[in-house]
């Protein structure tokens, strides 16, 4: 880990992730509060969130396209574009011209950057680290992500209270501007690895054939669908369960929401220091099982303190899942396929939108606690089937 942090290229790409991560959580909070204040419509808040997530489904196309250009160039261009978008939103907010449709378009464009995160920034991070340090690199990266998950909402609430949504957008322009400068100074990622003469759809089809021929890659994609469609949507029910079942105050509900982030932060640092290639597969599967099991227990819990502890444990499991997800994909894909396969991985993450609908429908008919328990039970069954069908998952090769 110390060796990675001494590497200038690694620090730059890692810093880009930290800058973008802080703004991600800050933006989500401030935008949601502003839209609800202006419209009093929870539906519009949900629609803006959905617009931010929709580009994830295009991850496979972005990954195939990323092979045609130097990653450094893509980073500089995308980060510079997002800086400009936040600058425009800042001007609109402070001049009083900001409309909800401006926010929606901005959210979708920013979502395109997040859809490219796997196939561009994280792929470059893995290439800089190299195979032997890949697990530690991903652990450090997820530690930064989870740190920003704690910092972003707190900073977002304070900033919004002081200067409104315009201050949030100004902060975005500054953070992404700094990230652009970090990317511009990179010496790594200056060469394209793909063939620009090939058709993008042909590249995607080639990537899918590669995945189908590698059981461990198919297993990673299948477990990612299970986790995003059935496990992670539990978070949408945390406020409901916290208030209606646990009798928690708004502040206490916020603490519940942060508990997973605390566990994930601790878990990411632990993995960055101790994980070894031989453990990748087991860590991935066991982390997924811990996430699902802890969320199931949370759904059935009637004790606030116990629920808090369970969610910290869930965070430890999510750190193992998320860290090994990227690590194993990069390890099992050859250099010329990495951006492409990370793009396919982004598309499977986009299935979380279906999971939110599934969770909402279950909660509407069965209540939030039962909905969480049922969804997690479904996930555990499917996880077991994934390991049964693709036993290479457990070995990680």
Protein backbone atom coordinates (compact mmCIF):
# COMPACT_ATOMS: atom_id res chain seq x y z
CA UNK A 1 0.00 0.00 0.00
CA UNK A 2 2.84 2.41 0.81
CA UNK A 3 4.43 1.65 -2.53
CA UNK A 4 1.23 2.54 -4.34
CA UNK A 5 0.91 5.82 -2.50
CA UNK A 6 4.47 6.74 -3.52
CA UNK A 7 3.54 6.30 -7.19
CA UNK A 8 2.66 9.71 -8.70
CA UNK A 9 0.40 8.23 -11.40
CA UNK A 10 -1.51 6.18 -8.84
CA UNK A 11 -1.94 9.18 -6.53
CA UNK A 12 -3.31 11.27 -9.41
CA UNK A 13 -5.89 8.68 -10.51
CA UNK A 14 -6.78 7.95 -6.89
CA UNK A 15 -7.17 11.70 -6.24
CA UNK A 16 -9.47 12.03 -9.25
CA UNK A 17 -11.71 9.36 -7.73
CA UNK A 18 -11.74 11.17 -4.37
CA UNK A 19 -12.66 14.54 -5.94
CA UNK A 20 -15.45 13.01 -8.00
CA UNK A 21 -16.66 10.89 -5.07
CA UNK A 22 -17.07 13.84 -2.73
CA UNK A 23 -19.13 15.65 -5.34
CA UNK A 24 -21.23 12.58 -6.10
CA UNK A 25 -22.68 12.34 -2.61
CA UNK A 26 -22.80 16.11 -2.12
CA UNK A 27 -24.72 16.54 -5.39
CA UNK A 28 -27.18 13.71 -4.68
CA UNK A 29 -28.13 15.19 -1.32
CA UNK A 30 -28.35 18.85 -2.34
CA UNK A 31 -30.17 18.16 -5.62
CA UNK A 32 -32.71 15.91 -3.90
CA UNK A 33 -33.41 18.50 -1.21
CA UNK A 34 -33.69 21.35 -3.74
CA UNK A 35 -36.02 19.48 -6.11
CA UNK A 36 -38.29 18.48 -3.24
CA UNK A 37 -38.33 22.03 -1.83
CA UNK A 38 -39.27 23.50 -5.20
CA UNK A 39 -41.77 20.87 -6.37
CA UNK A 40 -42.91 19.07 -3.17
CA UNK A 41 -42.90 15.96 -5.39
CA UNK A 42 -41.13 12.78 -4.24
CA UNK A 43 -41.78 11.43 -7.73
CA UNK A 44 -39.69 14.16 -9.34
CA UNK A 45 -36.89 13.51 -6.85
CA UNK A 46 -36.98 9.82 -7.86
CA UNK A 47 -37.03 10.74 -11.57
CA UNK A 48 -33.92 12.93 -11.20
CA UNK A 49 -32.19 10.06 -9.39
CA UNK A 50 -33.22 7.67 -12.16
CA UNK A 51 -31.87 10.07 -14.82
CA UNK A 52 -28.52 10.02 -13.03
CA UNK A 53 -28.46 6.20 -13.03
CA UNK A 54 -29.80 5.49 -16.53
CA UNK A 55 -26.45 5.98 -18.35
CA UNK A 56 -25.04 2.98 -16.43
CA UNK A 57 -26.95 0.74 -18.83
CA UNK A 58 -24.75 2.11 -21.64
CA UNK A 59 -21.60 0.96 -19.85
CA UNK A 60 -20.82 -1.75 -22.43
CA UNK A 61 -20.82 0.82 -25.26
CA UNK A 62 -18.64 3.21 -23.27
CA UNK A 63 -16.19 0.40 -22.48
CA UNK A 64 -15.88 -0.58 -26.15
CA UNK A 65 -15.40 3.06 -27.14
CA UNK A 66 -12.78 3.54 -24.41
CA UNK A 67 -10.46 1.11 -26.22
CA UNK A 68 -10.32 3.43 -29.22
CA UNK A 69 -8.81 6.40 -27.40
CA UNK A 70 -6.03 6.85 -24.84
CA UNK A 71 -7.55 6.60 -21.38
CA UNK A 72 -5.78 9.77 -20.27
CA UNK A 73 -7.42 11.71 -23.12
CA UNK A 74 -10.84 10.33 -22.19
CA UNK A 75 -10.31 11.28 -18.56
CA UNK A 76 -9.25 14.84 -19.39
CA UNK A 77 -12.14 15.30 -21.83
CA UNK A 78 -14.85 13.84 -19.58
CA UNK A 79 -13.66 15.61 -16.42
CA UNK A 80 -13.35 18.91 -18.29
CA UNK A 81 -16.87 18.49 -19.68
CA UNK A 82 -18.34 17.84 -16.22
CA UNK A 83 -16.49 20.92 -14.91
CA UNK A 84 -18.23 22.95 -17.60
CA UNK A 85 -21.63 21.45 -16.80
CA UNK A 86 -21.32 22.33 -13.13
CA UNK A 87 -20.11 25.84 -14.06
CA UNK A 88 -23.23 26.38 -16.20
CA UNK A 89 -25.50 25.08 -13.41
CA UNK A 90 -23.72 27.40 -10.96
CA UNK A 91 -24.48 30.44 -13.12
CA UNK A 92 -28.11 29.37 -13.61
CA UNK A 93 -28.56 28.83 -9.86
CA UNK A 94 -27.05 32.15 -8.74
CA UNK A 95 -28.92 34.13 -11.42
CA UNK A 96 -32.26 32.56 -10.49
CA UNK A 97 -32.76 30.93 -13.90
CA UNK A 98 -32.33 27.33 -12.73
CA UNK A 99 -35.20 25.05 -13.77
CA UNK A 100 -35.92 21.43 -12.89
CA UNK A 101 -35.25 20.34 -16.46
CA UNK A 102 -31.78 21.92 -16.24
CA UNK A 103 -31.09 19.76 -13.19
CA UNK A 104 -32.39 16.65 -14.95
CA UNK A 105 -30.20 17.13 -18.03
CA UNK A 106 -27.21 17.92 -15.81
CA UNK A 107 -27.83 14.76 -13.76
CA UNK A 108 -27.94 12.61 -16.91
CA UNK A 109 -24.73 14.12 -18.31
CA UNK A 110 -22.93 13.68 -14.98
CA UNK A 111 -24.29 10.12 -14.95
CA UNK A 112 -22.42 9.47 -18.20
CA UNK A 113 -19.18 10.16 -16.35
CA UNK A 114 -20.12 7.66 -13.65
CA UNK A 115 -21.03 5.12 -16.33
CA UNK A 116 -17.45 5.44 -17.64
CA UNK A 117 -15.83 5.13 -14.21
CA UNK A 118 -15.24 1.37 -14.40
CA UNK A 119 -13.96 1.21 -17.96
CA UNK A 120 -11.83 4.37 -17.82
CA UNK A 121 -10.54 5.56 -14.43
CA UNK A 122 -10.63 2.28 -12.53
CA UNK A 123 -9.15 0.35 -15.46
CA UNK A 124 -6.27 2.82 -15.60
CA UNK A 125 -5.82 2.53 -11.83
CA UNK A 126 -5.49 -1.23 -12.16
CA UNK A 127 -2.99 -0.97 -15.00
CA UNK A 128 -0.81 1.43 -13.01
CA UNK A 129 -0.88 -0.88 -9.96
CA UNK A 130 -0.06 -4.07 -11.87
CA UNK A 131 -1.28 -7.60 -11.19
CA UNK A 132 0.53 -8.14 -7.87
CA UNK A 133 -0.75 -4.90 -6.29
CA UNK A 134 -4.22 -4.94 -7.88
CA UNK A 135 -6.12 -6.04 -4.77
CA UNK A 136 -4.43 -3.40 -2.64
CA UNK A 137 -5.08 -0.73 -5.30
CA UNK A 138 -8.80 -1.52 -5.45
CA UNK A 139 -8.96 -1.64 -1.65
CA UNK A 140 -7.40 1.83 -1.42
CA UNK A 141 -9.74 3.12 -4.11
CA UNK A 142 -12.83 1.83 -2.35
CA UNK A 143 -11.52 3.25 0.93
CA UNK A 144 -11.49 6.66 -0.77
CA UNK A 145 -14.99 6.08 -2.15
CA UNK A 146 -16.34 5.18 1.26
CA UNK A 147 -14.56 8.10 2.91
CA UNK A 148 -16.26 10.47 0.48
CA UNK A 149 -19.55 8.74 1.24
CA UNK A 150 -19.17 9.93 4.82
CA UNK A 151 -17.81 13.39 3.99
CA UNK A 152 -20.07 14.24 1.03
CA UNK A 153 -23.51 14.20 2.70
CA UNK A 154 -22.28 16.11 5.75
CA UNK A 155 -20.57 18.74 3.61
CA UNK A 156 -23.55 18.84 1.28
CA UNK A 157 -26.01 19.53 4.07
CA UNK A 158 -23.87 22.31 5.56
CA UNK A 159 -23.13 23.90 2.18
CA UNK A 160 -26.76 23.79 1.09
CA UNK A 161 -27.88 25.39 4.35
CA UNK A 162 -25.42 28.25 3.88
CA UNK A 163 -25.52 29.10 0.17
CA UNK A 164 -28.14 26.87 -1.45
CA UNK A 165 -27.84 24.63 -4.47
CA UNK A 166 -25.66 27.17 -6.30
CA UNK A 167 -22.89 26.61 -3.76
CA UNK A 168 -23.12 22.88 -4.37
CA UNK A 169 -22.69 23.34 -8.12
CA UNK A 170 -19.80 25.77 -7.59
CA UNK A 171 -18.11 23.15 -5.40
CA UNK A 172 -18.64 20.64 -8.24
CA UNK A 173 -16.97 22.93 -10.76
CA UNK A 174 -13.98 23.38 -8.44
CA UNK A 175 -13.62 19.69 -7.56
CA UNK A 176 -13.92 18.48 -11.16
CA UNK A 177 -11.61 21.29 -12.26
CA UNK A 178 -8.98 19.98 -9.83
CA UNK A 179 -9.61 16.43 -11.11
CA UNK A 180 -9.07 17.67 -14.69
CA UNK A 181 -5.71 19.15 -13.73
CA UNK A 182 -4.69 15.88 -12.06
CA UNK A 183 -5.63 13.96 -15.22
CA UNK A 184 -3.78 16.41 -17.48
CA UNK A 185 -0.55 15.72 -15.59
CA UNK A 186 -0.71 11.94 -16.08
CA UNK A 187 2.07 10.18 -17.96
CA UNK A 188 0.21 6.83 -17.97
CA UNK A 189 -2.65 5.88 -20.27
CA UNK A 190 -1.44 7.85 -23.29
CA UNK A 191 -1.85 5.07 -25.86
CA UNK A 192 -5.01 3.51 -27.28
CA UNK A 193 -5.18 -0.27 -27.02
CA UNK A 194 -8.03 -1.13 -29.40
CA UNK A 195 -8.51 -1.01 -33.16
CA UNK A 196 -10.50 2.03 -34.24
CA UNK A 197 -11.39 0.33 -37.54
CA UNK A 198 -13.60 -2.23 -35.80
CA UNK A 199 -17.32 -1.77 -35.24
CA UNK A 200 -18.33 -0.94 -31.65
CA UNK A 201 -21.13 -3.51 -31.70
CA UNK A 202 -18.67 -6.13 -32.94
CA UNK A 203 -16.38 -5.29 -30.04
CA UNK A 204 -19.24 -5.66 -27.55
CA UNK A 205 -20.23 -9.00 -29.10
CA UNK A 206 -16.59 -10.11 -28.90
CA UNK A 207 -16.50 -9.12 -25.25
CA UNK A 208 -19.66 -11.09 -24.52
CA UNK A 209 -18.18 -14.14 -26.25
CA UNK A 210 -15.06 -13.74 -24.14
CA UNK A 211 -17.20 -13.59 -20.98
CA UNK A 212 -19.19 -16.66 -22.00
CA UNK A 213 -15.96 -18.61 -22.51
CA UNK A 214 -14.58 -17.68 -19.08
CA UNK A 215 -16.68 -19.18 -16.25
CA UNK A 216 -15.18 -16.87 -13.62
CA UNK A 217 -16.08 -13.77 -15.67
CA UNK A 218 -19.65 -15.00 -16.16
CA UNK A 219 -19.82 -15.66 -12.43
CA UNK A 220 -18.64 -12.12 -11.60
CA UNK A 221 -21.28 -10.63 -13.91
CA UNK A 222 -24.02 -12.89 -12.51
CA UNK A 223 -23.20 -12.10 -8.87
CA UNK A 224 -23.06 -8.38 -9.73
CA UNK A 225 -26.61 -8.60 -11.11
CA UNK A 226 -27.76 -10.45 -7.98
CA UNK A 227 -26.22 -7.90 -5.64
CA UNK A 228 -27.43 -4.81 -7.49
CA UNK A 229 -30.91 -6.13 -8.19
CA UNK A 230 -31.60 -7.80 -4.84
CA UNK A 231 -29.13 -6.67 -2.14
CA UNK A 232 -28.27 -3.00 -2.48
CA UNK A 233 -31.88 -1.76 -2.95
CA UNK A 234 -32.32 -2.51 0.77
CA UNK A 235 -30.92 0.99 1.39
CA UNK A 236 -34.11 2.57 0.03
CA UNK A 237 -35.97 0.97 2.95
CA UNK A 238 -33.58 2.10 5.72
CA UNK A 239 -35.47 5.37 6.41
CA UNK A 240 -38.81 3.54 6.43
CA UNK A 241 -37.67 0.77 8.78
CA UNK A 242 -35.74 3.22 10.95
CA UNK A 243 -38.78 5.44 11.49
CA UNK A 244 -41.69 2.97 11.52
CA UNK A 245 -40.09 -0.14 13.09
CA UNK A 246 -37.17 1.12 15.15
CA UNK A 247 -38.81 4.41 16.20
CA UNK A 248 -35.66 6.37 15.36
CA UNK A 249 -35.43 10.15 15.07
CA UNK A 250 -34.28 11.72 11.78
CA UNK A 251 -30.75 12.08 13.18
CA UNK A 252 -30.73 8.45 14.30
CA UNK A 253 -31.99 7.36 10.87
CA UNK A 254 -29.09 9.30 9.35
CA UNK A 255 -26.71 7.39 11.61
CA UNK A 256 -28.20 4.14 10.35
CA UNK A 257 -27.59 5.29 6.80
CA UNK A 258 -23.95 6.08 7.61
CA UNK A 259 -23.30 2.79 9.43
CA UNK A 260 -22.73 0.82 6.23
CA UNK A 261 -20.26 3.46 5.06
CA UNK A 262 -18.28 3.12 8.30
CA UNK A 263 -18.06 -0.65 7.90
CA UNK A 264 -17.14 -0.34 4.22
CA UNK A 265 -14.39 2.18 4.98
CA UNK A 266 -12.84 -0.09 7.62
CA UNK A 267 -13.19 -3.13 5.38
CA UNK A 268 -11.56 -1.37 2.41
CA UNK A 269 -8.50 -0.42 4.46
CA UNK A 270 -8.20 -3.96 5.84
CA UNK A 271 -8.38 -5.46 2.35
CA UNK A 272 -5.86 -2.97 0.97
CA UNK A 273 -3.33 -4.22 3.53
CA UNK A 274 -3.92 -7.97 3.66
CA UNK A 275 -5.65 -9.24 0.52
CA UNK A 276 -3.70 -11.65 -1.70
CA UNK A 277 -4.53 -12.96 -5.20
CA UNK A 278 -5.23 -16.47 -3.88
CA UNK A 279 -8.04 -15.05 -1.71
CA UNK A 280 -9.85 -12.99 -4.36
CA UNK A 281 -12.61 -15.46 -5.22
CA UNK A 282 -13.41 -16.49 -1.67
CA UNK A 283 -13.41 -12.87 -0.51
CA UNK A 284 -15.81 -11.92 -3.32
CA UNK A 285 -18.29 -14.71 -2.59
CA UNK A 286 -18.13 -14.41 1.19
CA UNK A 287 -18.46 -10.61 1.05
CA UNK A 288 -21.59 -10.99 -1.09
CA UNK A 289 -23.04 -13.55 1.34
CA UNK A 290 -22.33 -11.27 4.32
CA UNK A 291 -24.09 -8.35 2.59
CA UNK A 292 -27.21 -10.38 1.86
CA UNK A 293 -27.31 -12.07 5.28
CA UNK A 294 -26.77 -8.83 7.21
CA UNK A 295 -29.49 -7.01 5.22
CA UNK A 296 -31.88 -9.91 5.88
CA UNK A 297 -31.20 -9.68 9.63
CA UNK A 298 -31.65 -5.90 9.48
CA UNK A 299 -35.07 -6.36 7.90
CA UNK A 300 -36.14 -8.64 10.77
CA UNK A 301 -34.54 -6.62 13.60
CA UNK A 302 -36.59 -4.63 16.10
CA UNK A 303 -33.61 -3.25 18.04
CA UNK A 304 -31.97 0.02 16.97
CA UNK A 305 -28.55 -0.76 18.49
CA UNK A 306 -28.51 -4.25 17.02
CA UNK A 307 -29.55 -2.87 13.62
CA UNK A 308 -26.72 -0.34 13.76
CA UNK A 309 -24.18 -3.10 14.43
CA UNK A 310 -25.63 -5.27 11.66
CA UNK A 311 -25.32 -2.44 9.12
CA UNK A 312 -21.67 -1.91 10.05
CA UNK A 313 -21.15 -5.61 9.35
CA UNK A 314 -23.01 -5.21 6.07
CA UNK A 315 -20.53 -2.48 5.15
CA UNK A 316 -17.62 -4.87 5.74
CA UNK A 317 -19.24 -7.32 3.34
CA UNK A 318 -19.93 -4.66 0.72
CA UNK A 319 -16.26 -3.60 0.84
CA UNK A 320 -15.19 -7.18 0.09
CA UNK A 321 -17.72 -7.48 -2.75
CA UNK A 322 -16.92 -4.13 -4.38
CA UNK A 323 -13.14 -4.41 -4.06
CA UNK A 324 -12.96 -7.92 -5.47
CA UNK A 325 -15.53 -7.22 -8.19
CA UNK A 326 -13.19 -4.81 -10.00
CA UNK A 327 -10.04 -6.69 -9.01
CA UNK A 328 -11.21 -10.04 -10.36
CA UNK A 329 -12.53 -8.59 -13.61
CA UNK A 330 -9.26 -6.79 -14.31
CA UNK A 331 -7.25 -9.87 -13.32
CA UNK A 332 -9.17 -12.20 -15.63
CA UNK A 333 -9.38 -9.94 -18.68
CA UNK A 334 -6.38 -9.46 -21.02
CA UNK A 335 -5.19 -5.84 -21.46
CA UNK A 336 -6.97 -5.38 -24.80
CA UNK A 337 -10.29 -6.49 -23.23
CA UNK A 338 -10.18 -4.69 -19.90
CA UNK A 339 -12.04 -1.48 -20.76
CA UNK A 340 -14.59 -3.50 -22.70
CA UNK A 341 -15.25 -5.95 -19.88
CA UNK A 342 -15.35 -3.22 -17.25
CA UNK A 343 -17.96 -1.54 -19.44
CA UNK A 344 -20.03 -4.73 -19.49
CA UNK A 345 -19.66 -4.81 -15.70
CA UNK A 346 -21.05 -1.26 -15.52
CA UNK A 347 -24.09 -2.36 -17.51
CA UNK A 348 -24.80 -5.16 -15.03
CA UNK A 349 -24.56 -2.61 -12.20
CA UNK A 350 -27.33 -0.71 -13.99
CA UNK A 351 -29.75 -3.53 -13.12
CA UNK A 352 -30.02 -1.86 -9.72
CA UNK A 353 -32.80 0.26 -11.23
CA UNK A 354 -34.91 -2.89 -11.69
CA UNK A 355 -34.03 -3.84 -8.11
CA UNK A 356 -35.41 -0.57 -6.76
CA UNK A 357 -38.72 -1.23 -8.53
CA UNK A 358 -38.77 -4.81 -7.21
CA UNK A 359 -38.14 -3.61 -3.66
CA UNK A 360 -40.79 -0.90 -3.94
CA UNK A 361 -43.44 -3.30 -5.16
CA UNK A 362 -42.64 -5.81 -2.42
CA UNK A 363 -42.76 -3.09 0.24
CA UNK A 364 -46.08 -1.82 -1.08
CA UNK A 365 -47.67 -5.26 -0.71
CA UNK A 366 -45.78 -6.80 2.23
CA UNK A 367 -44.32 -3.88 4.18
CA UNK A 368 -40.69 -2.71 4.24
CA UNK A 369 -39.25 -5.25 6.75
CA UNK A 370 -40.70 -8.27 4.94
CA UNK A 371 -39.73 -6.81 1.56
CA UNK A 372 -36.08 -6.55 2.64
CA UNK A 373 -36.09 -10.06 4.11
CA UNK A 374 -37.70 -11.62 1.00
CA UNK A 375 -35.35 -9.83 -1.40
CA UNK A 376 -32.28 -10.91 0.58
CA UNK A 377 -33.51 -14.51 0.76
CA UNK A 378 -33.92 -14.48 -3.01
CA UNK A 379 -30.42 -13.11 -3.34
CA UNK A 380 -28.87 -15.78 -1.10
CA UNK A 381 -30.51 -18.54 -3.14
CA UNK A 382 -29.28 -17.03 -6.42
CA UNK A 383 -25.78 -16.47 -4.99
CA UNK A 384 -25.60 -20.15 -4.05
CA UNK A 385 -26.71 -21.07 -7.58
CA UNK A 386 -24.02 -18.79 -9.05
CA UNK A 387 -21.31 -20.59 -7.06
CA UNK A 388 -22.85 -23.94 -8.07
CA UNK A 389 -22.92 -23.09 -11.79
CA UNK A 390 -19.57 -21.27 -11.86
CA UNK A 391 -17.35 -22.93 -9.22
CA UNK A 392 -14.36 -21.00 -10.61
CA UNK A 393 -15.80 -18.03 -8.72
CA UNK A 394 -14.64 -19.55 -5.43
CA UNK A 395 -11.14 -20.03 -6.79
CA UNK A 396 -11.11 -16.61 -8.50
CA UNK A 397 -9.53 -17.87 -11.73
